[in-house]
Amino acid sequence: MTNKQHPFEIKPNRTLLTLAIPVLFSMVAEPLTGLVDTAFVAKLGPEALSALGIGTIVFSSVFWVFGFLGIGTQTEVSHALGKGDLERASSLGWMAAGISAVIGLVLMFAVFPFLGSISGLMGGEGAVRDLAVDYMSYRLLGAPAVLVVLSCFGSLRGYQDMRSPLWIALGMNAINVVLDWCLVFGKGPFPVMGVGGAALASAISQWIGAIWAVLVVRKHYGFNTGFSLADARRLFVIGGDMFVRTGCVCLFLLLCTRFATKAGAESGAAHQAIRQFFVFLALFLDAFAISGQSLVGYFVGRADRGTARKVASLVCKWSFGTGVLLTIGMYLGQEPVAWLLVPEEATMVFGPAWLAVTFLQPINALSFATDGIHLGTGDFRYLRNAMLTAVLTSATVLFVVDWIHPQQMLFWIWIVAGLWTTLRALLGMIRIWPGIGDGPLAVR
């Protein structure tokens, strides 16, 4: 199999787009549902929306910390596929799914007693704090399912099967939207649950998606539990580097949310709307990064550094162009987004911060593209160190901004976020061109 010519070597642009387009739609499905959640909860007032902001950033952070279960699995499976070792590729996927289920169950029971304290640490007070605890209590029920879906999607994408995750994601999120409408507002036989209903809808849809994903992996790629302890150790070594890296991302985003919430309910509500859209755009841009990760991983597994570098170049070009288009679209779409997602009381603080995010997108696109490339090579330690550098620098600036406390606090929070993503993009690019250190894609 390793001697067979890969479609990328024949039609590189077409192959990249064929992989990226299904990933794009599957990645966009989740944040679109988050935008629907935000739109529904916005109708309940700024306190409910601010509580949703606390709950979603906390759970996004927790689940992102364990994102190595999907990322590491995708890289390892793609390397095994490049070497032609299909048996090991299958066993890696099932090992990751089993580990995911165990971690999810432990997480579900361990975090529950601390929800009130977590909400308080995030700046929630009074009604905002109580509503955030209500939301997080229901979201915890879906924790094992979320992690199983992550690992199964990693396996499927490692096989360069981008369509199966698309259909699963679309199905999950369609169910979530319908349940949102029923549970938030009490439609049909369902009670009015408010912000807690949005969380319960997410948990139910995640369990349906987990069962679906496991069945798809078994049907298409077999069932093989013959993994070795060395494979498990390798996944946890990856997990250690990714834990630090993702923890840094979460810390920075949590700090941004906390300072926005401290600035008042209006600032917190506007920040939730912008942050939700930022996540939407980030996952949108990740389509090329995830496709590049699988392709780079395949060619690294095949020991073909030249083609892997060609993948890296193409991924960066497509990502940057997409970022330019997103900037244009965001600039033209400011008023509709404000009308849809932002309570009237928060519109004054929303506008300047939105523009800061708008002009950030081309650089943001490169930061995601280079992340995907380095994940594909297995250069996890460098990614960890680059993120540590970016977060320590940006967090320091963020504390200075909070100490100064300028009039447009939310605007300056997002300016600092721009510094963070610029450092990520710069450090990612120089690892490939010219290729500093002992990078796997450095020209030798």
Protein backbone atom coordinates (compact mmCIF):
# COMPACT_ATOMS: atom_id res chain seq x y z
CA MET A 1 0.00 0.00 0.00
CA THR A 2 2.86 2.38 0.78
CA ASN A 3 4.14 2.08 -2.81
CA LYS A 4 0.79 3.09 -4.29
CA GLN A 5 0.61 6.67 -5.53
CA HIS A 6 -1.58 8.83 -3.32
CA PRO A 7 -4.25 11.02 -5.01
CA PHE A 8 -2.52 14.12 -3.57
CA GLU A 9 0.54 13.40 -5.71
CA ILE A 10 -1.62 13.48 -8.85
CA LYS A 11 -4.10 16.29 -8.08
CA PRO A 12 -2.96 18.11 -4.91
CA ASN A 13 -5.48 20.98 -4.85
CA ARG A 14 -8.40 18.75 -5.69
CA THR A 15 -7.40 16.17 -3.07
CA LEU A 16 -7.00 18.79 -0.35
CA LEU A 17 -10.39 20.32 -1.13
CA THR A 18 -12.05 16.90 -1.34
CA LEU A 19 -10.87 16.22 2.20
CA ALA A 20 -11.39 19.74 3.56
CA ILE A 21 -14.95 20.39 2.38
CA PRO A 22 -16.56 17.55 4.41
CA VAL A 23 -14.41 18.56 7.40
CA LEU A 24 -15.57 22.15 6.95
CA PHE A 25 -19.24 21.23 7.16
CA SER A 26 -18.73 18.84 10.07
CA MET A 27 -16.72 21.45 12.00
CA VAL A 28 -19.16 24.26 11.24
CA ALA A 29 -22.12 22.16 12.43
CA GLU A 30 -21.09 22.35 16.10
CA PRO A 31 -20.52 26.12 16.40
CA LEU A 32 -23.67 26.76 14.37
CA THR A 33 -25.52 24.89 17.08
CA GLY A 34 -23.69 27.01 19.64
CA LEU A 35 -24.89 30.11 17.82
CA VAL A 36 -28.45 28.74 17.93
CA ASP A 37 -28.03 28.15 21.69
CA THR A 38 -26.82 31.74 22.04
CA ALA A 39 -29.71 33.11 19.98
CA PHE A 40 -32.30 31.17 22.02
CA VAL A 41 -30.79 32.04 25.40
CA ALA A 42 -30.35 35.71 24.38
CA LYS A 43 -34.14 35.94 24.43
CA LEU A 44 -34.01 35.18 28.17
CA GLY A 45 -31.95 38.30 28.96
CA PRO A 46 -28.32 39.34 29.63
CA GLU A 47 -28.02 37.32 32.89
CA ALA A 48 -28.92 34.05 31.15
CA LEU A 49 -26.61 34.81 28.22
CA SER A 50 -23.73 35.70 30.53
CA ALA A 51 -24.32 32.41 32.40
CA LEU A 52 -24.26 30.54 29.09
CA GLY A 53 -20.94 32.23 28.34
CA ILE A 54 -19.45 30.98 31.62
CA GLY A 55 -20.78 27.45 31.13
CA THR A 56 -19.70 27.07 27.53
CA ILE A 57 -16.18 28.40 28.04
CA VAL A 58 -15.66 26.17 31.09
CA PHE A 59 -16.82 23.03 29.30
CA SER A 60 -15.07 23.91 26.07
CA SER A 61 -11.90 24.29 28.12
CA VAL A 62 -12.35 20.95 29.90
CA PHE A 63 -13.07 19.07 26.68
CA TRP A 64 -10.27 20.84 24.80
CA VAL A 65 -7.82 19.71 27.49
CA PHE A 66 -8.66 16.13 26.51
CA GLY A 67 -8.57 16.92 22.80
CA PHE A 68 -5.39 14.83 22.53
CA LEU A 69 -7.68 11.78 22.46
CA GLY A 70 -8.78 12.83 18.98
CA ILE A 71 -5.67 14.68 17.81
CA GLY A 72 -3.19 12.04 18.91
CA THR A 73 -5.33 9.24 17.51
CA GLN A 74 -5.60 10.98 14.14
CA THR A 75 -1.83 11.45 13.90
CA GLU A 76 -0.97 7.91 15.00
CA VAL A 77 -3.57 6.30 12.73
CA SER A 78 -2.39 8.36 9.74
CA HIS A 79 1.24 7.35 10.41
CA ALA A 80 0.22 3.68 10.60
CA LEU A 81 -1.76 4.07 7.37
CA GLY A 82 1.28 5.59 5.62
CA LYS A 83 3.34 2.57 6.71
CA GLY A 84 0.63 0.20 5.47
CA ASP A 85 -0.04 -1.21 8.98
CA LEU A 86 -3.85 -1.39 8.91
CA GLU A 87 -4.07 -3.74 11.91
CA ARG A 88 -2.28 -1.27 14.17
CA ALA A 89 -4.36 1.61 12.81
CA SER A 90 -7.56 -0.20 13.87
CA SER A 91 -6.28 -1.14 17.33
CA LEU A 92 -5.19 2.45 18.01
CA GLY A 93 -8.70 3.72 17.35
CA TRP A 94 -10.37 1.29 19.77
CA MET A 95 -7.76 1.90 22.43
CA ALA A 96 -8.47 5.64 22.27
CA ALA A 97 -12.24 5.09 22.46
CA GLY A 98 -11.90 2.95 25.59
CA ILE A 99 -9.62 5.45 27.31
CA SER A 100 -12.04 8.24 26.38
CA ALA A 101 -15.02 6.51 27.99
CA VAL A 102 -13.15 5.95 31.26
CA ILE A 103 -11.84 9.54 31.45
CA GLY A 104 -15.31 10.90 30.70
CA LEU A 105 -16.94 8.94 33.53
CA VAL A 106 -14.28 10.05 36.01
CA LEU A 107 -14.71 13.65 34.87
CA MET A 108 -18.49 13.52 35.24
CA PHE A 109 -18.34 12.56 38.93
CA ALA A 110 -15.22 14.52 39.90
CA VAL A 111 -16.25 17.97 38.65
CA PHE A 112 -19.88 18.07 39.88
CA PRO A 113 -19.16 19.14 43.51
CA PHE A 114 -17.14 22.15 42.35
CA LEU A 115 -19.57 23.77 39.90
CA GLY A 116 -20.55 26.59 42.24
CA SER A 117 -16.93 27.48 42.95
CA ILE A 118 -16.07 27.34 39.24
CA SER A 119 -18.91 29.72 38.40
CA GLY A 120 -17.74 32.13 41.10
CA LEU A 121 -14.14 32.02 39.87
CA MET A 122 -15.39 32.96 36.43
CA GLY A 123 -16.94 36.14 37.83
CA GLY A 124 -20.51 34.88 38.11
CA GLU A 125 -22.56 36.45 40.91
CA GLY A 126 -26.17 36.18 42.00
CA ALA A 127 -28.52 35.04 39.23
CA VAL A 128 -25.66 34.64 36.74
CA ARG A 129 -23.87 32.25 39.09
CA ASP A 130 -26.99 30.14 39.74
CA LEU A 131 -27.88 29.88 36.06
CA ALA A 132 -24.29 28.90 35.17
CA VAL A 133 -24.37 26.07 37.75
CA ASP A 134 -27.70 24.86 36.33
CA TYR A 135 -26.24 24.80 32.81
CA MET A 136 -23.03 23.02 33.80
CA SER A 137 -24.87 20.35 35.85
CA TYR A 138 -26.74 19.14 32.78
CA ARG A 139 -23.73 19.42 30.47
CA LEU A 140 -21.73 17.07 32.70
CA LEU A 141 -24.11 14.21 31.82
CA GLY A 142 -22.69 14.16 28.29
CA ALA A 143 -18.98 14.19 29.26
CA PRO A 144 -18.17 10.54 28.42
CA ALA A 145 -20.02 10.82 25.11
CA VAL A 146 -18.13 13.96 24.07
CA LEU A 147 -14.75 12.29 24.59
CA VAL A 148 -15.76 9.09 22.78
CA VAL A 149 -16.90 11.15 19.79
CA LEU A 150 -13.56 12.99 19.83
CA SER A 151 -11.55 9.79 19.68
CA CYS A 152 -13.75 8.16 17.03
CA PHE A 153 -13.57 11.25 14.83
CA GLY A 154 -9.78 11.18 15.23
CA SER A 155 -9.69 7.58 14.02
CA LEU A 156 -11.91 8.25 11.03
CA ARG A 157 -9.93 11.33 9.97
CA GLY A 158 -6.67 9.43 10.41
CA TYR A 159 -8.03 7.04 7.79
CA GLN A 160 -8.79 10.15 5.66
CA ASP A 161 -12.49 9.31 5.98
CA MET A 162 -13.86 12.83 6.34
CA ARG A 163 -17.44 12.09 5.32
CA SER A 164 -18.46 9.83 8.21
CA PRO A 165 -17.74 12.50 10.85
CA LEU A 166 -19.70 14.96 8.70
CA TRP A 167 -22.90 12.90 8.74
CA ILE A 168 -22.57 12.13 12.44
CA ALA A 169 -21.97 15.80 13.30
CA LEU A 170 -24.91 16.96 11.20
CA GLY A 171 -27.21 14.41 12.82
CA MET A 172 -26.08 15.25 16.35
CA ASN A 173 -26.49 18.96 15.88
CA ALA A 174 -29.86 18.73 14.14
CA ILE A 175 -31.14 16.79 17.16
CA ASN A 176 -29.59 19.37 19.47
CA VAL A 177 -31.34 22.29 17.74
CA VAL A 178 -34.77 20.61 17.93
CA LEU A 179 -34.27 19.72 21.60
CA ASP A 180 -33.06 23.28 22.31
CA TRP A 181 -36.32 24.71 21.04
CA CYS A 182 -38.35 22.24 23.07
CA LEU A 183 -36.43 22.37 26.35
CA VAL A 184 -35.43 26.05 26.56
CA PHE A 185 -38.94 27.38 25.92
CA GLY A 186 -41.02 24.35 27.02
CA LYS A 187 -42.59 23.45 23.68
CA GLY A 188 -44.93 20.47 23.39
CA PRO A 189 -44.82 18.09 26.39
CA PHE A 190 -41.51 19.50 27.68
CA PRO A 191 -41.19 21.81 30.70
CA VAL A 192 -39.64 25.29 30.48
CA MET A 193 -36.00 24.73 31.50
CA GLY A 194 -34.34 27.93 30.27
CA VAL A 195 -30.55 27.82 30.09
CA GLY A 196 -30.52 24.33 31.68
CA GLY A 197 -32.60 23.06 28.79
CA ALA A 198 -29.93 24.09 26.31
CA ALA A 199 -27.39 22.03 28.28
CA LEU A 200 -29.63 18.95 28.52
CA ALA A 201 -30.27 19.11 24.76
CA SER A 202 -26.51 19.06 24.18
CA ALA A 203 -25.97 16.07 26.50
CA ILE A 204 -28.68 13.96 24.85
CA SER A 205 -27.46 14.68 21.32
CA GLN A 206 -23.86 13.88 22.33
CA TRP A 207 -24.82 10.41 23.57
CA ILE A 208 -26.64 9.70 20.31
CA GLY A 209 -23.56 10.83 18.38
CA ALA A 210 -21.20 8.65 20.46
CA ILE A 211 -23.19 5.48 19.80
CA TRP A 212 -23.42 6.35 16.11
CA ALA A 213 -19.65 7.00 15.82
CA VAL A 214 -18.70 3.71 17.50
CA LEU A 215 -20.97 1.77 15.14
CA VAL A 216 -19.47 3.49 12.07
CA VAL A 217 -15.87 2.76 13.14
CA ARG A 218 -16.72 -0.90 13.75
CA LYS A 219 -18.55 -1.29 10.44
CA HIS A 220 -15.93 0.31 8.18
CA TYR A 221 -12.60 -0.39 9.93
CA GLY A 222 -13.22 -3.49 12.01
CA PHE A 223 -12.88 -4.23 15.71
CA ASN A 224 -9.37 -4.83 16.98
CA THR A 225 -8.29 -4.59 20.62
CA GLY A 226 -4.78 -5.92 20.02
CA PHE A 227 -2.99 -2.70 20.93
CA SER A 228 0.23 -2.77 22.93
CA LEU A 229 1.19 -0.94 26.09
CA ALA A 230 3.70 0.98 23.98
CA ASP A 231 0.77 2.39 21.96
CA ALA A 232 -1.01 3.44 25.14
CA ARG A 233 2.16 5.06 26.50
CA ARG A 234 2.65 6.91 23.23
CA LEU A 235 -0.88 8.32 23.38
CA PHE A 236 -0.33 9.53 26.94
CA VAL A 237 3.04 11.08 26.05
CA ILE A 238 1.20 12.98 23.31
CA GLY A 239 -1.47 13.73 25.89
CA GLY A 240 1.08 15.25 28.26
CA ASP A 241 2.32 17.74 25.67
CA MET A 242 -1.18 18.48 24.40
CA PHE A 243 -2.52 18.79 27.95
CA VAL A 244 -0.06 21.61 28.65
CA ARG A 245 -0.68 23.20 25.27
CA THR A 246 -4.46 23.02 25.43
CA GLY A 247 -4.43 24.03 29.07
CA CYS A 248 -2.61 27.20 28.07
CA VAL A 249 -5.23 27.93 25.40
CA CYS A 250 -8.02 27.38 27.90
CA LEU A 251 -6.31 29.52 30.53
CA PHE A 252 -5.98 32.42 28.13
CA LEU A 253 -9.60 32.19 26.93
CA LEU A 254 -10.81 31.83 30.52
CA LEU A 255 -8.90 34.96 31.48
CA CYS A 256 -10.49 36.85 28.59
CA THR A 257 -13.96 35.70 29.66
CA ARG A 258 -13.31 36.52 33.32
CA PHE A 259 -12.12 40.07 32.59
CA ALA A 260 -15.05 40.62 30.21
CA THR A 261 -17.52 39.39 32.83
CA LYS A 262 -15.90 41.61 35.50
CA ALA A 263 -16.50 44.61 33.27
CA GLY A 264 -20.28 44.12 33.62
CA ALA A 265 -23.20 42.01 32.36
CA GLU A 266 -23.29 43.92 29.06
CA SER A 267 -19.60 43.30 28.42
CA GLY A 268 -20.01 39.64 29.40
CA ALA A 269 -22.96 39.20 27.06
CA ALA A 270 -21.17 40.89 24.13
CA HIS A 271 -18.05 38.83 24.80
CA GLN A 272 -20.09 35.61 24.75
CA ALA A 273 -21.53 36.51 21.35
CA ILE A 274 -18.10 37.40 19.89
CA ARG A 275 -16.39 34.41 21.51
CA GLN A 276 -19.02 32.05 20.14
CA PHE A 277 -18.50 33.50 16.67
CA PHE A 278 -14.71 33.33 17.11
CA VAL A 279 -15.00 29.61 17.91
CA PHE A 280 -17.21 29.23 14.85
CA LEU A 281 -14.56 30.84 12.64
CA ALA A 282 -11.74 28.88 14.29
CA LEU A 283 -13.39 25.57 13.55
CA PHE A 284 -14.21 26.81 10.05
CA LEU A 285 -10.51 27.49 9.46
CA ASP A 286 -9.57 24.17 11.05
CA ALA A 287 -10.98 22.34 8.01
CA PHE A 288 -7.71 22.81 6.09
CA ALA A 289 -5.65 22.15 9.24
CA ILE A 290 -7.34 18.80 9.95
CA SER A 291 -7.06 17.71 6.33
CA GLY A 292 -3.43 18.80 6.28
CA GLN A 293 -2.79 16.87 9.49
CA SER A 294 -3.99 13.61 7.92
CA LEU A 295 -2.09 14.15 4.68
CA VAL A 296 1.14 15.26 6.36
CA GLY A 297 0.84 12.34 8.79
CA TYR A 298 0.41 9.90 5.92
CA PHE A 299 3.48 11.15 4.03
CA VAL A 300 5.58 11.35 7.21
CA GLY A 301 4.60 7.73 7.91
CA ARG A 302 5.74 6.93 4.36
CA ALA A 303 9.02 8.81 4.97
CA ASP A 304 8.27 11.22 2.11
CA ARG A 305 9.33 14.60 3.54
CA GLY A 306 9.21 16.40 0.20
CA THR A 307 5.52 15.69 -0.41
CA ALA A 308 4.73 16.48 3.24
CA ARG A 309 6.28 19.95 2.76
CA LYS A 310 4.20 20.41 -0.38
CA VAL A 311 1.07 19.64 1.67
CA ALA A 312 2.18 22.23 4.26
CA SER A 313 2.63 24.94 1.64
CA LEU A 314 -0.74 24.28 0.04
CA VAL A 315 -2.57 24.21 3.38
CA CYS A 316 -1.11 27.61 4.35
CA LYS A 317 -2.06 29.20 1.02
CA TRP A 318 -5.65 27.97 1.12
CA SER A 319 -6.01 28.92 4.79
CA PHE A 320 -4.71 32.48 4.32
CA GLY A 321 -7.03 33.08 1.36
CA THR A 322 -9.97 31.80 3.37
CA GLY A 323 -9.02 34.17 6.20
CA VAL A 324 -9.13 37.15 3.84
CA LEU A 325 -12.61 36.16 2.66
CA LEU A 326 -13.79 35.81 6.26
CA THR A 327 -12.54 39.32 7.07
CA ILE A 328 -14.61 40.75 4.21
CA GLY A 329 -17.68 38.78 5.27
CA MET A 330 -17.39 39.80 8.92
CA TYR A 331 -16.95 43.47 8.04
CA LEU A 332 -20.13 43.41 5.98
CA GLY A 333 -22.05 41.28 8.47
CA GLN A 334 -21.54 43.20 11.71
CA GLU A 335 -25.08 44.57 12.03
CA PRO A 336 -26.93 41.28 11.34
CA VAL A 337 -24.74 39.45 13.87
CA ALA A 338 -25.37 42.11 16.49
CA TRP A 339 -29.12 41.94 15.87
CA LEU A 340 -29.13 38.14 16.14
CA LEU A 341 -26.78 37.46 19.05
CA VAL A 342 -26.40 40.58 21.21
CA PRO A 343 -28.96 42.00 23.68
CA GLU A 344 -29.75 45.64 22.97
CA GLU A 345 -28.06 46.75 26.20
CA ALA A 346 -24.72 45.32 25.02
CA THR A 347 -24.53 46.69 21.47
CA MET A 348 -22.35 49.70 22.38
CA VAL A 349 -19.49 47.54 23.65
CA PHE A 350 -19.93 44.94 20.90
CA GLY A 351 -19.01 47.05 17.83
CA PRO A 352 -15.34 47.99 18.48
CA ALA A 353 -14.47 44.49 19.73
CA TRP A 354 -16.10 42.92 16.66
CA LEU A 355 -13.90 45.00 14.34
CA ALA A 356 -10.78 43.90 16.23
CA VAL A 357 -11.71 40.25 15.59
CA THR A 358 -12.66 40.97 11.97
CA PHE A 359 -9.20 42.10 10.83
CA LEU A 360 -7.49 39.30 12.74
CA GLN A 361 -8.76 36.48 10.53
CA PRO A 362 -5.95 36.03 7.91
CA ILE A 363 -3.34 35.68 10.67
CA ASN A 364 -5.74 33.51 12.66
CA ALA A 365 -6.03 31.25 9.62
CA LEU A 366 -2.25 30.75 9.45
CA SER A 367 -2.07 29.91 13.15
CA PHE A 368 -4.55 27.08 12.66
CA ALA A 369 -2.92 25.90 9.43
CA THR A 370 0.51 25.56 11.01
CA ASP A 371 -0.97 23.85 14.06
CA GLY A 372 -2.46 21.17 11.80
CA ILE A 373 0.81 20.69 9.94
CA HIS A 374 2.83 20.19 13.12
CA LEU A 375 0.20 17.85 14.56
CA GLY A 376 0.55 15.75 11.42
CA THR A 377 4.31 15.48 11.83
CA GLY A 378 3.95 14.55 15.50
CA ASP A 379 5.89 17.66 16.59
CA PHE A 380 3.84 17.92 19.79
CA ARG A 381 6.60 19.22 22.05
CA TYR A 382 7.33 22.19 19.80
CA LEU A 383 3.61 23.03 19.67
CA ARG A 384 3.53 22.91 23.46
CA ASN A 385 6.49 25.27 23.82
CA ALA A 386 5.22 27.67 21.17
CA MET A 387 1.84 27.91 22.89
CA LEU A 388 3.48 28.47 26.28
CA THR A 389 5.42 31.38 24.80
CA ALA A 390 2.35 32.92 23.16
CA VAL A 391 0.12 32.56 26.23
CA LEU A 392 2.64 33.80 28.80
CA THR A 393 3.33 36.88 26.68
CA SER A 394 -0.33 37.64 25.94
CA ALA A 395 -1.61 36.90 29.45
CA THR A 396 0.95 39.33 30.88
CA VAL A 397 -0.32 42.03 28.52
CA LEU A 398 -3.92 41.15 29.45
CA PHE A 399 -3.25 41.69 33.17
CA VAL A 400 -1.68 45.05 32.36
CA VAL A 401 -4.77 46.03 30.36
CA ASP A 402 -7.02 44.96 33.24
CA TRP A 403 -4.93 47.03 35.66
CA ILE A 404 -5.21 50.10 33.40
CA HIS A 405 -8.90 49.28 32.78
CA PRO A 406 -9.47 51.39 29.65
CA GLN A 407 -12.93 52.64 28.74
CA GLN A 408 -13.43 50.09 25.94
CA MET A 409 -12.27 47.09 27.97
CA LEU A 410 -13.76 44.43 25.67
CA PHE A 411 -12.06 45.98 22.62
CA TRP A 412 -8.67 45.75 24.32
CA ILE A 413 -9.29 42.18 25.42
CA TRP A 414 -9.68 41.20 21.77
CA ILE A 415 -6.65 43.25 20.72
CA VAL A 416 -4.60 41.14 23.14
CA ALA A 417 -6.21 38.01 21.66
CA GLY A 418 -4.87 39.22 18.32
CA LEU A 419 -1.36 39.37 19.76
CA TRP A 420 -1.79 35.80 21.01
CA THR A 421 -2.81 34.36 17.65
CA THR A 422 -0.10 36.36 15.80
CA LEU A 423 2.62 34.83 17.98
CA ARG A 424 1.18 31.37 17.33
CA ALA A 425 1.22 31.90 13.56
CA LEU A 426 4.77 33.28 13.55
CA LEU A 427 6.20 30.45 15.65
CA GLY A 428 4.35 27.89 13.52
CA MET A 429 5.65 29.28 10.22
CA ILE A 430 9.33 29.54 11.15
CA ARG A 431 9.38 25.88 12.22
CA ILE A 432 8.71 24.98 8.55
CA TRP A 433 10.26 27.94 6.68
CA PRO A 434 13.24 28.12 7.07
CA GLY A 435 12.83 25.22 9.52
CA ILE A 436 14.34 26.13 12.88
CA GLY A 437 15.60 23.43 15.24
CA ASP A 438 15.13 19.75 14.46
CA GLY A 439 11.68 20.13 12.91
CA PRO A 440 10.40 17.02 11.08
CA LEU A 441 9.83 19.07 7.88
CA ALA A 442 13.16 20.95 7.98
CA VAL A 443 15.18 20.68 4.76
CA ARG A 444 18.21 18.43 5.37
